[in-house]
């Protein structure tokens, strides 16, 4: 069945504190899918978008349109830059971060952008993937 059709049966979206929906053991995700997510290999196809110039290596993560619609005006600043394959969220807890913390990390990244910070994030990405920090 279509994953989006299963969503209402899994959670009452009106009762969520966060606009993002992630279950630790989401029944819509296959065993192989869980491995791909935990190891971040599910992100590999996005490297093509980096090569095309639609994304950068480092930056705020792309967001689902339904979540962007919930943004307050000051959150929309994160849409002014290209999304990244990795970013501050990936090296600072990933799925363990609240929506507010994730947005704050990404807005801080944009406001205090530097090439050195990008290098630091790139250097911290592989260890974060290997250790599975916040992976869901």
N, C-alpha and C. Protein backbone atom coordinates (compact mmCIF):
# COMPACT_ATOMS: atom_id res chain seq x y z
N UNK A 1 0.84 -1.20 0.00
CA UNK A 1 0.00 0.00 0.00
C UNK A 1 0.87 1.25 0.00
N UNK A 2 0.30 2.33 -0.45
CA UNK A 2 1.00 3.60 -0.50
C UNK A 2 1.31 4.08 0.91
N UNK A 3 2.56 4.49 1.14
CA UNK A 3 3.01 4.92 2.47
C UNK A 3 2.19 6.08 3.00
N UNK A 4 1.83 7.02 2.13
CA UNK A 4 1.04 8.17 2.57
C UNK A 4 -0.37 7.76 2.99
N UNK A 5 -0.90 6.69 2.39
CA UNK A 5 -2.22 6.20 2.78
C UNK A 5 -2.17 5.57 4.17
N UNK A 6 -1.02 5.01 4.55
CA UNK A 6 -0.87 4.38 5.86
C UNK A 6 -0.69 5.40 6.98
N UNK A 7 -0.22 6.58 6.64
CA UNK A 7 0.13 7.58 7.65
C UNK A 7 -1.00 7.88 8.64
N UNK A 8 -2.22 8.17 8.21
CA UNK A 8 -3.27 8.50 9.18
C UNK A 8 -3.54 7.37 10.17
N UNK A 9 -3.37 6.13 9.75
CA UNK A 9 -3.60 5.00 10.65
C UNK A 9 -2.51 4.88 11.70
N UNK A 10 -1.35 5.47 11.44
CA UNK A 10 -0.22 5.36 12.35
C UNK A 10 -0.16 6.46 13.39
N UNK A 11 -0.66 7.62 13.03
CA UNK A 11 -0.52 8.74 13.96
C UNK A 11 -1.60 9.78 13.69
N UNK A 12 -2.01 10.43 14.74
CA UNK A 12 -2.93 11.56 14.61
C UNK A 12 -2.06 12.80 14.48
N UNK A 13 -1.92 13.31 13.26
CA UNK A 13 -1.03 14.44 13.02
C UNK A 13 -1.41 15.68 13.81
N UNK A 14 -2.66 15.82 14.17
CA UNK A 14 -3.09 16.99 14.93
C UNK A 14 -2.53 16.97 16.36
N UNK A 15 -2.11 15.82 16.84
CA UNK A 15 -1.63 15.72 18.22
C UNK A 15 -0.10 15.77 18.31
N UNK A 16 0.56 15.90 17.20
CA UNK A 16 2.02 15.96 17.21
C UNK A 16 2.50 17.30 17.74
N UNK A 17 3.56 17.25 18.55
CA UNK A 17 4.21 18.49 18.99
C UNK A 17 5.11 19.03 17.90
N UNK A 18 5.55 18.16 17.04
CA UNK A 18 6.48 18.50 15.98
C UNK A 18 5.78 18.28 14.64
N UNK A 19 6.08 19.11 13.63
CA UNK A 19 5.47 18.90 12.32
C UNK A 19 6.07 17.74 11.55
N UNK A 20 7.25 17.28 11.95
CA UNK A 20 7.89 16.15 11.28
C UNK A 20 7.36 14.86 11.89
N UNK A 21 7.17 13.87 11.07
CA UNK A 21 6.64 12.60 11.54
C UNK A 21 7.67 11.52 11.33
N UNK A 22 8.19 10.95 12.43
CA UNK A 22 9.13 9.84 12.32
C UNK A 22 8.89 8.89 13.48
N UNK A 23 8.56 7.66 13.15
CA UNK A 23 8.42 6.62 14.16
C UNK A 23 9.73 5.87 14.25
N UNK A 24 10.19 5.52 15.46
CA UNK A 24 11.44 4.75 15.58
C UNK A 24 11.37 3.43 14.81
N UNK A 25 10.24 2.75 14.85
CA UNK A 25 10.06 1.50 14.10
C UNK A 25 8.89 1.66 13.13
N UNK A 26 9.06 2.53 12.17
CA UNK A 26 8.00 2.84 11.21
C UNK A 26 7.69 1.59 10.37
N UNK A 27 6.47 1.06 10.47
CA UNK A 27 6.13 -0.15 9.72
C UNK A 27 6.10 0.05 8.21
N UNK A 28 6.12 1.29 7.76
CA UNK A 28 6.14 1.55 6.31
C UNK A 28 7.52 1.36 5.72
N UNK A 29 8.54 1.25 6.56
CA UNK A 29 9.92 1.13 6.09
C UNK A 29 10.34 -0.34 6.18
N UNK A 30 10.87 -0.85 5.08
CA UNK A 30 11.30 -2.25 5.04
C UNK A 30 12.59 -2.43 5.82
N UNK A 31 12.97 -3.67 6.04
CA UNK A 31 14.22 -3.99 6.74
C UNK A 31 15.41 -3.37 6.00
N UNK A 32 15.43 -3.52 4.68
CA UNK A 32 16.51 -2.93 3.88
C UNK A 32 16.46 -1.41 3.99
N UNK A 33 15.26 -0.84 3.97
CA UNK A 33 15.11 0.61 4.12
C UNK A 33 15.66 1.11 5.44
N UNK A 34 15.45 0.35 6.52
CA UNK A 34 15.99 0.75 7.83
C UNK A 34 17.52 0.78 7.81
N UNK A 35 18.11 -0.21 7.15
CA UNK A 35 19.57 -0.24 7.04
C UNK A 35 20.05 0.95 6.23
N UNK A 36 19.38 1.21 5.11
CA UNK A 36 19.76 2.35 4.28
C UNK A 36 19.64 3.66 5.05
N UNK A 37 18.59 3.82 5.84
CA UNK A 37 18.42 5.05 6.63
C UNK A 37 19.49 5.16 7.71
N UNK A 38 19.71 4.07 8.45
CA UNK A 38 20.66 4.09 9.56
C UNK A 38 22.07 4.43 9.08
N UNK A 39 22.44 3.94 7.90
CA UNK A 39 23.77 4.18 7.35
C UNK A 39 23.83 5.40 6.44
N UNK A 40 22.70 6.07 6.28
CA UNK A 40 22.55 7.26 5.42
C UNK A 40 22.76 6.95 3.94
N UNK A 41 22.77 5.68 3.57
CA UNK A 41 22.91 5.33 2.15
C UNK A 41 21.67 5.75 1.35
N UNK A 42 20.56 5.98 2.04
CA UNK A 42 19.37 6.46 1.34
C UNK A 42 19.57 7.86 0.79
N UNK A 43 20.61 8.55 1.24
CA UNK A 43 20.92 9.90 0.76
C UNK A 43 21.81 9.89 -0.48
N UNK A 44 22.38 8.74 -0.83
CA UNK A 44 23.32 8.66 -1.95
C UNK A 44 22.76 9.21 -3.26
N UNK A 45 21.51 8.93 -3.62
CA UNK A 45 20.99 9.49 -4.88
C UNK A 45 20.99 11.02 -4.91
N UNK A 46 20.97 11.66 -3.75
CA UNK A 46 20.98 13.12 -3.73
C UNK A 46 22.33 13.69 -4.18
N UNK A 47 23.37 12.85 -4.18
CA UNK A 47 24.66 13.32 -4.68
C UNK A 47 24.54 13.76 -6.14
N UNK A 48 23.66 13.11 -6.88
CA UNK A 48 23.38 13.51 -8.26
C UNK A 48 22.90 14.96 -8.31
N UNK A 49 22.06 15.35 -7.34
CA UNK A 49 21.57 16.73 -7.28
C UNK A 49 22.69 17.71 -6.97
N UNK A 50 23.69 17.27 -6.21
CA UNK A 50 24.87 18.11 -5.95
C UNK A 50 25.63 18.32 -7.26
N UNK A 51 25.85 17.24 -8.01
CA UNK A 51 26.57 17.34 -9.28
C UNK A 51 25.82 18.22 -10.28
N UNK A 52 24.50 18.20 -10.26
CA UNK A 52 23.69 19.05 -11.15
C UNK A 52 23.67 20.51 -10.71
N UNK A 53 24.07 20.77 -9.47
CA UNK A 53 24.06 22.14 -8.96
C UNK A 53 22.78 22.53 -8.26
N UNK A 54 21.87 21.56 -8.07
CA UNK A 54 20.61 21.85 -7.38
C UNK A 54 20.78 21.85 -5.86
N UNK A 55 21.83 21.19 -5.39
CA UNK A 55 22.13 21.13 -3.95
C UNK A 55 23.61 21.40 -3.76
N UNK A 56 23.98 21.73 -2.53
CA UNK A 56 25.40 21.86 -2.20
C UNK A 56 25.79 20.68 -1.31
N UNK A 57 27.09 20.48 -1.12
CA UNK A 57 27.52 19.41 -0.23
C UNK A 57 27.07 19.69 1.20
N UNK A 58 27.22 20.95 1.64
CA UNK A 58 26.89 21.33 3.01
C UNK A 58 25.84 22.44 2.98
N UNK A 59 24.86 22.30 3.82
CA UNK A 59 23.81 23.32 3.93
C UNK A 59 22.64 22.77 4.71
N UNK A 60 21.60 23.55 4.86
CA UNK A 60 20.41 23.04 5.53
C UNK A 60 19.83 21.88 4.73
N UNK A 61 19.26 20.92 5.40
CA UNK A 61 18.66 19.79 4.71
C UNK A 61 17.42 20.22 3.94
N UNK A 62 17.15 19.58 2.80
CA UNK A 62 15.90 19.88 2.10
C UNK A 62 14.73 19.49 2.99
N UNK A 63 13.67 20.23 2.90
CA UNK A 63 12.52 19.98 3.77
C UNK A 63 11.30 19.64 2.93
N UNK A 64 10.43 18.82 3.49
CA UNK A 64 9.18 18.47 2.82
C UNK A 64 8.30 19.71 2.71
N UNK A 65 7.59 19.82 1.60
CA UNK A 65 6.74 20.99 1.36
C UNK A 65 5.69 21.15 2.46
N UNK A 66 5.14 20.04 2.94
CA UNK A 66 4.10 20.13 3.98
C UNK A 66 4.65 20.72 5.28
N UNK A 67 5.93 20.55 5.53
CA UNK A 67 6.55 21.12 6.73
C UNK A 67 6.90 22.58 6.50
N UNK A 68 7.38 22.90 5.29
CA UNK A 68 7.69 24.30 4.96
C UNK A 68 6.44 25.17 5.11
N UNK A 69 5.29 24.63 4.80
CA UNK A 69 4.05 25.39 4.94
C UNK A 69 3.76 25.77 6.39
N UNK A 70 4.38 25.07 7.33
CA UNK A 70 4.19 25.36 8.76
C UNK A 70 5.21 26.36 9.30
N UNK A 71 6.18 26.75 8.47
CA UNK A 71 7.22 27.67 8.92
C UNK A 71 6.63 29.03 9.30
N UNK A 72 7.25 29.63 10.30
CA UNK A 72 6.98 31.03 10.60
C UNK A 72 7.87 31.85 9.66
N UNK A 73 7.60 33.13 9.54
CA UNK A 73 8.35 33.97 8.60
C UNK A 73 9.85 33.88 8.79
N UNK A 74 10.33 33.95 10.04
CA UNK A 74 11.78 33.94 10.25
C UNK A 74 12.41 32.59 9.91
N UNK A 75 11.64 31.51 9.90
CA UNK A 75 12.16 30.20 9.51
C UNK A 75 12.45 30.14 8.01
N UNK A 76 11.75 30.94 7.24
CA UNK A 76 11.87 30.89 5.79
C UNK A 76 13.25 31.34 5.29
N UNK A 77 14.04 31.94 6.17
CA UNK A 77 15.40 32.32 5.77
C UNK A 77 16.22 31.12 5.33
N UNK A 78 15.91 29.95 5.88
CA UNK A 78 16.69 28.77 5.50
C UNK A 78 16.43 28.36 4.06
N UNK A 79 15.38 28.87 3.45
CA UNK A 79 15.06 28.56 2.06
C UNK A 79 15.84 29.43 1.08
N UNK A 80 16.58 30.41 1.60
CA UNK A 80 17.33 31.35 0.75
C UNK A 80 18.64 30.76 0.24
N UNK A 81 19.05 29.62 0.78
CA UNK A 81 20.29 28.98 0.35
C UNK A 81 19.97 27.59 -0.20
N UNK A 82 20.89 27.06 -1.00
CA UNK A 82 20.69 25.71 -1.53
C UNK A 82 20.72 24.71 -0.38
N UNK A 83 19.87 23.70 -0.46
CA UNK A 83 19.93 22.65 0.56
C UNK A 83 21.20 21.85 0.40
N UNK A 84 21.62 21.19 1.47
CA UNK A 84 22.86 20.44 1.45
C UNK A 84 22.66 18.95 1.66
N UNK A 85 23.63 18.19 1.17
CA UNK A 85 23.64 16.74 1.37
C UNK A 85 23.90 16.42 2.84
N UNK A 86 24.73 17.24 3.47
CA UNK A 86 24.97 17.15 4.91
C UNK A 86 24.90 18.56 5.46
N UNK A 87 24.81 18.65 6.75
CA UNK A 87 24.72 19.98 7.36
C UNK A 87 24.81 19.90 8.86
N UNK A 88 24.56 21.01 9.52
CA UNK A 88 24.70 21.05 10.97
C UNK A 88 23.80 20.04 11.69
N UNK A 89 22.64 19.78 11.16
CA UNK A 89 21.73 18.82 11.80
C UNK A 89 22.30 17.40 11.78
N UNK A 90 22.94 17.02 10.67
CA UNK A 90 23.46 15.66 10.53
C UNK A 90 24.59 15.38 11.51
N UNK A 91 25.32 16.40 11.89
CA UNK A 91 26.47 16.18 12.78
C UNK A 91 26.15 16.58 14.22
N UNK A 92 24.89 16.94 14.49
CA UNK A 92 24.52 17.41 15.82
C UNK A 92 23.33 16.67 16.41
N UNK A 93 23.08 15.47 15.95
CA UNK A 93 22.01 14.70 16.56
C UNK A 93 20.94 14.19 15.62
N UNK A 94 20.91 14.70 14.40
CA UNK A 94 19.95 14.25 13.38
C UNK A 94 18.54 14.08 13.92
N UNK A 95 18.03 12.88 13.91
CA UNK A 95 16.65 12.61 14.29
C UNK A 95 16.34 12.83 15.76
N UNK A 96 17.38 12.99 16.60
CA UNK A 96 17.15 13.22 18.02
C UNK A 96 16.82 14.68 18.33
N UNK A 97 16.99 15.55 17.35
CA UNK A 97 16.75 16.98 17.56
C UNK A 97 15.27 17.32 17.40
N UNK A 98 14.83 18.27 18.20
CA UNK A 98 13.46 18.76 18.03
C UNK A 98 13.40 19.62 16.77
N UNK A 99 12.21 19.87 16.30
CA UNK A 99 12.02 20.73 15.14
C UNK A 99 12.64 22.10 15.40
N UNK A 100 12.39 22.67 16.57
CA UNK A 100 12.91 24.00 16.90
C UNK A 100 14.44 23.99 16.95
N UNK A 101 15.03 22.96 17.54
CA UNK A 101 16.50 22.87 17.60
C UNK A 101 17.10 22.73 16.21
N UNK A 102 16.46 21.91 15.38
CA UNK A 102 16.95 21.71 14.02
C UNK A 102 16.93 23.02 13.24
N UNK A 103 15.82 23.73 13.32
CA UNK A 103 15.72 25.01 12.62
C UNK A 103 16.75 26.00 13.14
N UNK A 104 16.94 26.04 14.45
CA UNK A 104 17.90 26.98 15.03
C UNK A 104 19.32 26.67 14.56
N UNK A 105 19.69 25.40 14.52
CA UNK A 105 21.01 25.01 14.02
C UNK A 105 21.20 25.47 12.58
N UNK A 106 20.19 25.26 11.76
CA UNK A 106 20.32 25.61 10.35
C UNK A 106 20.31 27.11 10.12
N UNK A 107 19.52 27.85 10.88
CA UNK A 107 19.53 29.31 10.77
C UNK A 107 20.86 29.88 11.25
N UNK A 108 21.40 29.30 12.32
CA UNK A 108 22.72 29.71 12.82
C UNK A 108 23.79 29.44 11.77
N UNK A 109 23.70 28.30 11.10
CA UNK A 109 24.65 27.96 10.04
C UNK A 109 24.62 29.03 8.94
N UNK A 110 23.42 29.43 8.53
CA UNK A 110 23.28 30.43 7.47
C UNK A 110 23.82 31.78 7.91
N UNK A 111 23.49 32.19 9.12
CA UNK A 111 23.91 33.50 9.62
C UNK A 111 25.41 33.60 9.85
N UNK A 112 26.04 32.48 10.19
CA UNK A 112 27.48 32.48 10.49
C UNK A 112 28.25 31.61 9.50
N UNK A 113 27.83 31.64 8.24
CA UNK A 113 28.46 30.81 7.23
C UNK A 113 29.95 31.10 7.09
N UNK A 114 30.73 30.03 6.95
CA UNK A 114 32.14 30.17 6.59
C UNK A 114 32.58 28.87 5.92
N UNK A 115 33.56 28.98 5.06
CA UNK A 115 34.10 27.81 4.39
C UNK A 115 34.70 26.84 5.40
N UNK A 116 35.34 27.39 6.44
CA UNK A 116 35.93 26.54 7.48
C UNK A 116 34.86 25.73 8.21
N UNK A 117 33.74 26.36 8.44
CA UNK A 117 32.64 25.65 9.10
C UNK A 117 32.14 24.51 8.21
N UNK A 118 32.08 24.74 6.89
CA UNK A 118 31.70 23.67 5.97
C UNK A 118 32.69 22.51 6.06
N UNK A 119 33.98 22.82 6.09
CA UNK A 119 34.99 21.76 6.22
C UNK A 119 34.81 20.99 7.53
N UNK A 120 34.52 21.71 8.61
CA UNK A 120 34.32 21.06 9.91
C UNK A 120 33.10 20.13 9.86
N UNK A 121 32.04 20.58 9.23
CA UNK A 121 30.83 19.74 9.11
C UNK A 121 31.13 18.52 8.25
N UNK A 122 31.84 18.71 7.14
CA UNK A 122 32.21 17.57 6.30
C UNK A 122 33.06 16.57 7.08
N UNK A 123 34.00 17.06 7.88
CA UNK A 123 34.87 16.18 8.67
C UNK A 123 34.08 15.42 9.74
N UNK A 124 33.01 16.00 10.24
CA UNK A 124 32.22 15.35 11.29
C UNK A 124 31.12 14.45 10.73
N UNK A 125 30.86 14.53 9.42
CA UNK A 125 29.76 13.77 8.83
C UNK A 125 30.01 12.27 8.86
N UNK A 126 31.16 11.81 8.40
CA UNK A 126 31.42 10.37 8.37
C UNK A 126 31.39 9.75 9.76
N UNK A 127 32.04 10.35 10.77
CA UNK A 127 31.91 9.78 12.12
C UNK A 127 30.46 9.74 12.62
N UNK A 128 29.67 10.75 12.29
CA UNK A 128 28.26 10.76 12.71
C UNK A 128 27.51 9.61 12.05
N UNK A 129 27.82 9.33 10.79
CA UNK A 129 27.17 8.22 10.08
C UNK A 129 27.62 6.89 10.67
N UNK A 130 28.92 6.74 10.89
CA UNK A 130 29.46 5.48 11.42
C UNK A 130 28.88 5.17 12.79
N UNK A 131 28.81 6.18 13.64
CA UNK A 131 28.29 5.98 15.00
C UNK A 131 26.77 5.97 15.04
N UNK A 132 26.14 6.36 13.94
CA UNK A 132 24.68 6.35 13.87
C UNK A 132 24.01 7.36 14.78
N UNK A 133 24.71 8.45 15.07
CA UNK A 133 24.17 9.48 15.96
C UNK A 133 22.83 9.99 15.45
N UNK A 134 21.77 9.72 16.19
CA UNK A 134 20.45 10.23 15.86
C UNK A 134 19.80 9.62 14.64
N UNK A 135 20.39 8.56 14.09
CA UNK A 135 19.84 7.93 12.88
C UNK A 135 18.53 7.22 13.22
N UNK A 136 17.56 7.38 12.34
CA UNK A 136 16.26 6.70 12.52
C UNK A 136 15.83 6.11 11.20
